[in-house]
Amino acid sequence: MNNFDYSRASDVADAIRLLTADPGAKLIAGGTNLIDLMKENVERPSRLIDISRLPLRDIKETAGGGLRIGALVPNSDLAYHPLIEQRYPLLASAILAGASAQLRNMASVGGNLMQRTRCSYFYDTATPCNKRSPGTGCSALDGLNRNHAILGTSKSCIATNPSDMSVALAALGALVHIAGPSGQRTIALTDFHRLPDDKPHLDTNIGSGEIITAIELPPYGFARNFSYLKIRDRLSYAFALVSVAAALELEGSAINEARLALGGVAHKPWRSPEAEAALRGKAATPDHFGHAADLLLQGATARSQNEFKIELARRAIVRTLMQAASARPQSQAHKKIA
């Protein structure tokens, strides 16, 4: 048993004060990832700061017509919220593709963004891991790397981000609201998570003493032409080998706007403005979707066991775009088959 202190924050300012006073402290809300990491001796916080009672559970419309989602909204509540189901069904689909109902009931929106990789070497404290112990090496480079990244990797780390929700948020163009010792700031979801480079132990660009307070969704949610496809080793409660969030705005058969994000392939949700721009003004055809897939996967690099992911991702992108174009998303396709 590792000893740690426990504090309950009374408000956001108190949480920031407690974090700033103890650099070894960790925030805890649902605890669905942190508790596991503590049990495995991967995380050894000096203090747990309980933020579960902070007033960050509201889902409100913004003045600009979007939605502001409090950081402590449970994943289940978000997925089944009427405004999410009606206006942002891509997000609802992604959330429901991840974890079990019990975990979704506990996991918070902010915690989902902060969850850490499921790389087996990260969890195994007997093996070298730059993410867990900087400077020790990356065991996955020449080890068991079937589930690992093909994009944005470095010689220091090839781990993947495990979140489904973040992939949909990246495609939708969500913003992350953050509060800290220097005040409040907003960062694009696509800039929130980091690539590993030579500092893989830093998963995000959140600073010392900072806390996520909300996620903001833009007014337009691609509610008609969307799909979220998650390919995994088993249908039930597995992390993605490859996942695709696709959203289109169509005028007839022509594409006015396209959004594409990949999960399971990089240290962060993967988007390419070049791939999305290539689809604008084009017809919604497999050939055009294949070209966008090639652009999205530019620079993909395989290791000894995960080369299959490149072709798998390409086919998944085309399939998901076809589903979005036909307004028959993956979740609905399963319902019709059943």
Protein backbone atom coordinates (compact mmCIF):
# COMPACT_ATOMS: atom_id res chain seq x y z
CA MET A 1 0.00 0.00 0.00
CA ASN A 2 1.33 3.40 -1.00
CA ASN A 3 0.47 6.16 1.44
CA PHE A 4 -1.19 9.31 0.11
CA ASP A 5 -3.07 12.26 1.51
CA TYR A 6 -6.66 13.05 0.57
CA SER A 7 -8.33 16.42 0.10
CA ARG A 8 -11.76 17.40 -1.18
CA ALA A 9 -11.81 20.60 -3.23
CA SER A 10 -14.60 23.02 -2.35
CA ASP A 11 -14.52 24.83 -5.69
CA VAL A 12 -12.35 25.17 -8.81
CA ALA A 13 -10.11 27.78 -7.19
CA ASP A 14 -9.52 25.47 -4.24
CA ALA A 15 -8.63 22.58 -6.57
CA ILE A 16 -6.09 24.80 -8.33
CA ARG A 17 -4.63 25.92 -5.01
CA LEU A 18 -4.26 22.33 -3.79
CA LEU A 19 -2.68 21.21 -7.07
CA THR A 20 -0.23 24.09 -7.07
CA ALA A 21 0.80 23.44 -3.46
CA ASP A 22 1.59 19.76 -4.10
CA PRO A 23 3.19 18.93 -7.49
CA GLY A 24 2.79 15.21 -6.75
CA ALA A 25 -0.99 15.46 -6.34
CA LYS A 26 -3.55 14.06 -8.77
CA LEU A 27 -7.16 15.02 -9.35
CA ILE A 28 -9.76 12.29 -8.95
CA ALA A 29 -13.37 12.32 -10.11
CA GLY A 30 -14.70 8.94 -11.30
CA GLY A 31 -11.26 7.38 -10.91
CA THR A 32 -11.85 4.76 -13.60
CA ASN A 33 -8.29 5.03 -14.93
CA LEU A 34 -6.32 6.52 -12.04
CA ILE A 35 -7.32 3.86 -9.52
CA ASP A 36 -6.18 1.11 -11.89
CA LEU A 37 -2.85 2.87 -12.36
CA MET A 38 -2.41 3.20 -8.60
CA LYS A 39 -3.17 -0.49 -8.11
CA GLU A 40 -0.49 -1.37 -10.66
CA ASN A 41 2.00 1.01 -8.99
CA VAL A 42 2.27 3.06 -12.19
CA GLU A 43 0.88 6.19 -10.54
CA ARG A 44 1.96 7.01 -6.99
CA PRO A 45 0.37 10.36 -6.16
CA SER A 46 1.31 12.06 -2.92
CA ARG A 47 -2.24 13.38 -2.62
CA LEU A 48 -5.62 12.72 -4.20
CA ILE A 49 -7.71 15.85 -4.71
CA ASP A 50 -11.37 14.89 -4.93
CA ILE A 51 -13.19 17.16 -7.41
CA SER A 52 -16.29 14.99 -7.79
CA ARG A 53 -18.53 17.50 -5.98
CA LEU A 54 -17.53 20.58 -7.93
CA PRO A 55 -20.36 22.30 -9.87
CA LEU A 56 -19.12 21.13 -13.28
CA ARG A 57 -22.00 18.84 -14.32
CA ASP A 58 -24.10 21.14 -16.49
CA ILE A 59 -24.72 20.92 -20.22
CA LYS A 60 -25.72 24.37 -21.45
CA GLU A 61 -26.24 26.05 -24.79
CA THR A 62 -23.74 28.80 -25.57
CA ALA A 63 -24.60 32.24 -26.89
CA GLY A 64 -23.21 31.21 -30.27
CA GLY A 65 -25.50 28.19 -30.58
CA GLY A 66 -23.09 25.48 -29.45
CA LEU A 67 -22.97 23.48 -26.22
CA ARG A 68 -20.80 23.82 -23.14
CA ILE A 69 -20.32 20.51 -21.32
CA GLY A 70 -19.08 20.54 -17.74
CA ALA A 71 -15.93 18.50 -17.12
CA LEU A 72 -17.67 16.30 -14.53
CA VAL A 73 -20.60 15.24 -16.70
CA PRO A 74 -20.57 11.41 -16.69
CA ASN A 75 -19.97 9.82 -20.07
CA SER A 76 -23.34 8.02 -19.96
CA ASP A 77 -25.23 11.22 -19.20
CA LEU A 78 -23.52 12.92 -22.12
CA ALA A 79 -24.16 10.13 -24.61
CA TYR A 80 -27.88 9.99 -23.78
CA HIS A 81 -28.48 13.72 -23.39
CA PRO A 82 -31.25 14.81 -25.81
CA LEU A 83 -29.21 17.68 -27.28
CA ILE A 84 -26.23 15.39 -27.90
CA GLU A 85 -28.37 12.67 -29.47
CA GLN A 86 -30.16 15.18 -31.70
CA ARG A 87 -27.37 17.59 -32.65
CA TYR A 88 -24.10 15.67 -32.09
CA PRO A 89 -24.91 11.98 -32.65
CA LEU A 90 -21.32 11.35 -33.76
CA LEU A 91 -20.20 12.08 -30.20
CA ALA A 92 -22.90 9.87 -28.70
CA SER A 93 -21.88 7.00 -30.99
CA ALA A 94 -18.22 7.29 -30.05
CA ILE A 95 -18.93 7.32 -26.31
CA LEU A 96 -21.19 4.28 -26.53
CA ALA A 97 -18.49 2.41 -28.48
CA GLY A 98 -16.13 2.69 -25.52
CA ALA A 99 -16.02 0.82 -22.19
CA SER A 100 -18.90 -0.81 -20.36
CA ALA A 101 -22.06 0.86 -19.11
CA GLN A 102 -20.73 0.69 -15.55
CA LEU A 103 -17.52 2.52 -16.50
CA ARG A 104 -19.40 5.09 -18.58
CA ASN A 105 -21.61 5.81 -15.56
CA MET A 106 -18.53 6.68 -13.48
CA ALA A 107 -16.14 8.20 -16.03
CA SER A 108 -16.22 11.97 -16.45
CA VAL A 109 -15.73 14.02 -19.61
CA GLY A 110 -12.58 15.65 -18.25
CA GLY A 111 -11.23 12.34 -17.01
CA ASN A 112 -11.81 10.76 -20.41
CA LEU A 113 -9.53 13.38 -21.99
CA MET A 114 -6.86 12.74 -19.35
CA GLN A 115 -6.84 8.92 -19.45
CA ARG A 116 -3.49 7.34 -20.18
CA THR A 117 -2.36 4.78 -22.73
CA ARG A 118 -3.17 1.10 -22.35
CA CYS A 119 0.26 0.01 -23.62
CA SER A 120 1.11 -3.17 -21.72
CA TYR A 121 4.69 -2.03 -21.14
CA PHE A 122 3.43 1.19 -19.54
CA TYR A 123 1.48 -0.94 -17.07
CA ASP A 124 4.35 -3.35 -16.44
CA THR A 125 6.70 -1.67 -13.98
CA ALA A 126 9.32 -4.38 -14.53
CA THR A 127 9.94 -3.20 -18.12
CA PRO A 128 11.52 -0.01 -19.51
CA CYS A 129 9.00 2.64 -20.54
CA ASN A 130 9.76 6.27 -21.36
CA LYS A 131 6.18 7.27 -20.65
CA ARG A 132 6.30 5.84 -17.14
CA SER A 133 10.01 6.42 -16.40
CA PRO A 134 11.56 8.98 -18.79
CA GLY A 135 14.92 7.96 -20.21
CA THR A 136 14.58 4.21 -19.64
CA GLY A 137 13.64 3.30 -23.23
CA CYS A 138 10.60 2.04 -25.11
CA SER A 139 10.08 -1.71 -24.86
CA ALA A 140 7.39 -1.70 -27.54
CA LEU A 141 9.75 -0.61 -30.32
CA ASP A 142 11.13 -4.13 -30.67
CA GLY A 143 8.58 -5.92 -28.51
CA LEU A 144 4.86 -6.67 -28.70
CA ASN A 145 3.63 -3.76 -30.80
CA ARG A 146 0.59 -5.07 -32.68
CA ASN A 147 -1.72 -2.52 -31.05
CA HIS A 148 0.67 0.40 -31.27
CA ALA A 149 0.85 3.62 -33.25
CA ILE A 150 1.59 4.05 -36.95
CA LEU A 151 1.37 7.85 -37.07
CA GLY A 152 3.16 10.60 -35.16
CA THR A 153 5.52 8.20 -33.42
CA SER A 154 9.04 8.87 -32.19
CA LYS A 155 12.04 6.78 -31.16
CA SER A 156 10.93 7.42 -27.58
CA CYS A 157 7.36 6.08 -27.74
CA ILE A 158 4.85 4.37 -30.04
CA ALA A 159 1.91 4.18 -27.61
CA THR A 160 -1.63 5.12 -28.64
CA ASN A 161 -4.30 7.28 -27.05
CA PRO A 162 -7.17 5.02 -25.87
CA SER A 163 -10.09 7.47 -25.97
CA ASP A 164 -13.08 7.03 -28.31
CA MET A 165 -14.75 10.24 -27.16
CA SER A 166 -11.70 12.33 -28.05
CA VAL A 167 -11.74 11.10 -31.65
CA ALA A 168 -15.28 12.38 -32.15
CA LEU A 169 -14.52 15.63 -30.34
CA ALA A 170 -11.52 16.18 -32.61
CA ALA A 171 -13.65 15.65 -35.72
CA LEU A 172 -16.31 18.04 -34.43
CA GLY A 173 -13.79 20.80 -33.67
CA ALA A 174 -14.38 20.90 -29.92
CA LEU A 175 -12.62 23.30 -27.55
CA VAL A 176 -11.25 22.52 -24.09
CA HIS A 177 -11.74 25.12 -21.34
CA ILE A 178 -8.99 25.13 -18.72
CA ALA A 179 -8.51 27.04 -15.46
CA GLY A 180 -5.22 27.43 -13.61
CA PRO A 181 -3.02 29.68 -11.51
CA SER A 182 -2.73 32.18 -14.38
CA GLY A 183 -6.45 32.30 -15.08
CA GLN A 184 -8.61 30.71 -17.74
CA ARG A 185 -7.74 29.69 -21.27
CA THR A 186 -9.18 27.70 -24.16
CA ILE A 187 -7.38 25.22 -26.39
CA ALA A 188 -8.57 23.27 -29.43
CA LEU A 189 -9.11 19.58 -28.73
CA THR A 190 -6.74 18.79 -31.58
CA ASP A 191 -4.00 20.68 -29.71
CA PHE A 192 -4.82 19.35 -26.26
CA HIS A 193 -3.03 16.01 -26.61
CA ARG A 194 0.66 15.88 -27.49
CA LEU A 195 2.72 13.76 -29.84
CA PRO A 196 5.45 11.84 -27.97
CA ASP A 197 8.58 13.43 -29.51
CA ASP A 198 11.26 13.17 -26.80
CA LYS A 199 8.83 13.77 -23.89
CA PRO A 200 6.30 10.92 -24.06
CA HIS A 201 5.61 11.18 -20.33
CA LEU A 202 3.67 14.37 -21.13
CA ASP A 203 0.34 13.23 -22.59
CA THR A 204 -1.31 16.64 -22.88
CA ASN A 205 -0.58 20.35 -23.03
CA ILE A 206 -2.33 21.04 -19.74
CA GLY A 207 -0.01 22.95 -17.43
CA SER A 208 0.99 22.58 -13.80
CA GLY A 209 -1.89 23.41 -11.47
CA GLU A 210 -4.44 23.50 -14.29
CA ILE A 211 -7.81 21.75 -14.40
CA ILE A 212 -10.28 21.08 -17.23
CA THR A 213 -13.56 22.86 -16.52
CA ALA A 214 -15.58 22.26 -19.70
CA ILE A 215 -15.70 21.09 -23.30
CA GLU A 216 -17.34 23.36 -25.87
CA LEU A 217 -18.97 22.07 -29.03
CA PRO A 218 -19.50 24.32 -32.09
CA PRO A 219 -23.04 25.04 -33.31
CA TYR A 220 -22.92 22.65 -36.27
CA GLY A 221 -22.79 18.97 -35.33
CA PHE A 222 -23.11 17.12 -38.69
CA ALA A 223 -26.24 15.44 -37.34
CA ARG A 224 -27.29 13.79 -40.61
CA ASN A 225 -24.19 12.57 -42.44
CA PHE A 226 -21.87 11.00 -39.88
CA SER A 227 -20.51 7.65 -38.71
CA TYR A 228 -18.17 6.30 -36.05
CA LEU A 229 -16.53 2.97 -36.84
CA LYS A 230 -14.45 1.16 -34.24
CA ILE A 231 -12.47 -1.92 -35.26
CA ARG A 232 -11.24 -4.05 -32.37
CA ASP A 233 -10.22 -7.60 -31.60
CA ARG A 234 -13.56 -8.35 -29.97
CA LEU A 235 -16.87 -6.52 -30.19
CA SER A 236 -17.30 -6.07 -26.45
CA TYR A 237 -15.31 -3.50 -24.44
CA ALA A 238 -11.98 -3.60 -26.27
CA PHE A 239 -9.78 -0.66 -27.22
CA ALA A 240 -9.59 0.26 -30.89
CA LEU A 241 -7.10 -1.17 -33.33
CA VAL A 242 -8.39 1.57 -35.62
CA SER A 243 -11.35 3.90 -35.19
CA VAL A 244 -12.72 6.51 -37.58
CA ALA A 245 -14.96 9.50 -36.94
CA ALA A 246 -16.36 10.85 -40.22
CA ALA A 247 -18.74 13.76 -40.75
CA LEU A 248 -19.91 15.32 -44.01
CA GLU A 249 -22.00 18.27 -45.09
CA LEU A 250 -23.51 17.43 -48.46
CA GLU A 251 -25.29 19.42 -51.15
CA GLY A 252 -26.75 16.74 -53.36
CA SER A 253 -23.87 14.38 -53.96
CA ALA A 254 -21.22 17.11 -53.55
CA ILE A 255 -19.26 17.57 -50.33
CA ASN A 256 -19.35 21.08 -48.86
CA GLU A 257 -17.46 20.19 -45.69
CA ALA A 258 -15.69 17.10 -44.42
CA ARG A 259 -14.28 16.06 -41.06
CA LEU A 260 -12.12 13.00 -40.45
CA ALA A 261 -10.36 11.81 -37.31
CA LEU A 262 -8.61 8.53 -36.51
CA GLY A 263 -8.19 6.75 -33.20
CA GLY A 264 -6.03 3.80 -32.22
CA VAL A 265 -3.22 4.87 -34.55
CA ALA A 266 -1.39 7.69 -32.77
CA HIS A 267 -0.57 9.34 -29.45
CA LYS A 268 -3.55 11.66 -30.05
CA PRO A 269 -6.67 11.76 -32.22
CA TRP A 270 -5.34 12.11 -35.77
CA ARG A 271 -6.71 14.74 -38.18
CA SER A 272 -5.38 16.09 -41.44
CA PRO A 273 -6.62 19.43 -42.82
CA GLU A 274 -5.14 18.41 -46.17
CA ALA A 275 -7.25 15.25 -46.34
CA GLU A 276 -10.40 17.13 -45.40
CA ALA A 277 -9.72 19.92 -47.90
CA ALA A 278 -9.25 17.34 -50.66
CA LEU A 279 -12.87 16.27 -50.25
CA ARG A 280 -14.48 19.71 -50.46
CA GLY A 281 -16.31 20.22 -53.72
CA LYS A 282 -15.88 16.58 -54.69
CA ALA A 283 -18.53 13.94 -55.21
CA ALA A 284 -19.04 11.45 -52.39
CA THR A 285 -17.44 8.49 -54.16
CA PRO A 286 -15.16 5.64 -53.05
CA ASP A 287 -12.34 6.98 -55.25
CA HIS A 288 -12.39 10.39 -53.62
CA PHE A 289 -12.67 8.81 -50.20
CA GLY A 290 -9.69 6.58 -50.97
CA HIS A 291 -7.61 9.61 -51.95
CA ALA A 292 -8.54 11.32 -48.66
CA ALA A 293 -7.54 8.17 -46.79
CA ASP A 294 -4.14 8.17 -48.50
CA LEU A 295 -3.60 11.79 -47.45
CA LEU A 296 -4.70 11.11 -43.88
CA LEU A 297 -2.27 8.20 -43.65
CA GLN A 298 0.73 10.02 -45.16
CA GLY A 299 3.86 9.23 -43.19
CA ALA A 300 2.45 6.12 -41.55
CA THR A 301 5.27 3.92 -40.23
CA ALA A 302 4.80 0.33 -39.13
CA ARG A 303 6.76 -1.73 -36.64
CA SER A 304 7.29 -5.49 -36.74
CA GLN A 305 3.72 -6.51 -35.86
CA ASN A 306 1.40 -3.65 -36.83
CA GLU A 307 1.88 -3.12 -40.56
CA PHE A 308 -1.66 -4.45 -41.10
CA LYS A 309 -2.99 -1.29 -39.43
CA ILE A 310 -2.12 0.88 -42.44
CA GLU A 311 -4.34 -1.00 -44.88
CA LEU A 312 -6.93 -1.60 -42.17
CA ALA A 313 -7.10 2.15 -41.49
CA ARG A 314 -7.39 2.97 -45.20
CA ARG A 315 -10.31 0.59 -45.69
CA ALA A 316 -11.95 1.77 -42.48
CA ILE A 317 -11.76 5.42 -43.59
CA VAL A 318 -13.42 4.66 -46.94
CA ARG A 319 -16.09 2.53 -45.28
CA THR A 320 -16.90 5.13 -42.63
CA LEU A 321 -17.12 7.92 -45.22
CA MET A 322 -19.46 5.80 -47.31
CA GLN A 323 -21.65 5.24 -44.26
CA ALA A 324 -21.66 8.96 -43.52
CA ALA A 325 -22.49 9.88 -47.13
CA SER A 326 -25.44 7.49 -47.17
CA ALA A 327 -26.67 8.73 -43.76
CA ARG A 328 -26.42 5.18 -42.44
CA PRO A 329 -24.00 5.35 -39.50
CA GLN A 330 -22.37 2.25 -38.07
CA SER A 331 -24.59 2.08 -34.99
CA GLN A 332 -27.75 2.19 -37.10
CA ALA A 333 -26.32 -0.37 -39.48
CA HIS A 334 -25.98 -2.80 -36.53
CA LYS A 335 -29.56 -2.11 -35.43
CA LYS A 336 -30.93 -2.84 -38.92
CA ILE A 337 -28.95 -6.06 -39.22
CA ALA A 338 -30.16 -7.18 -35.81
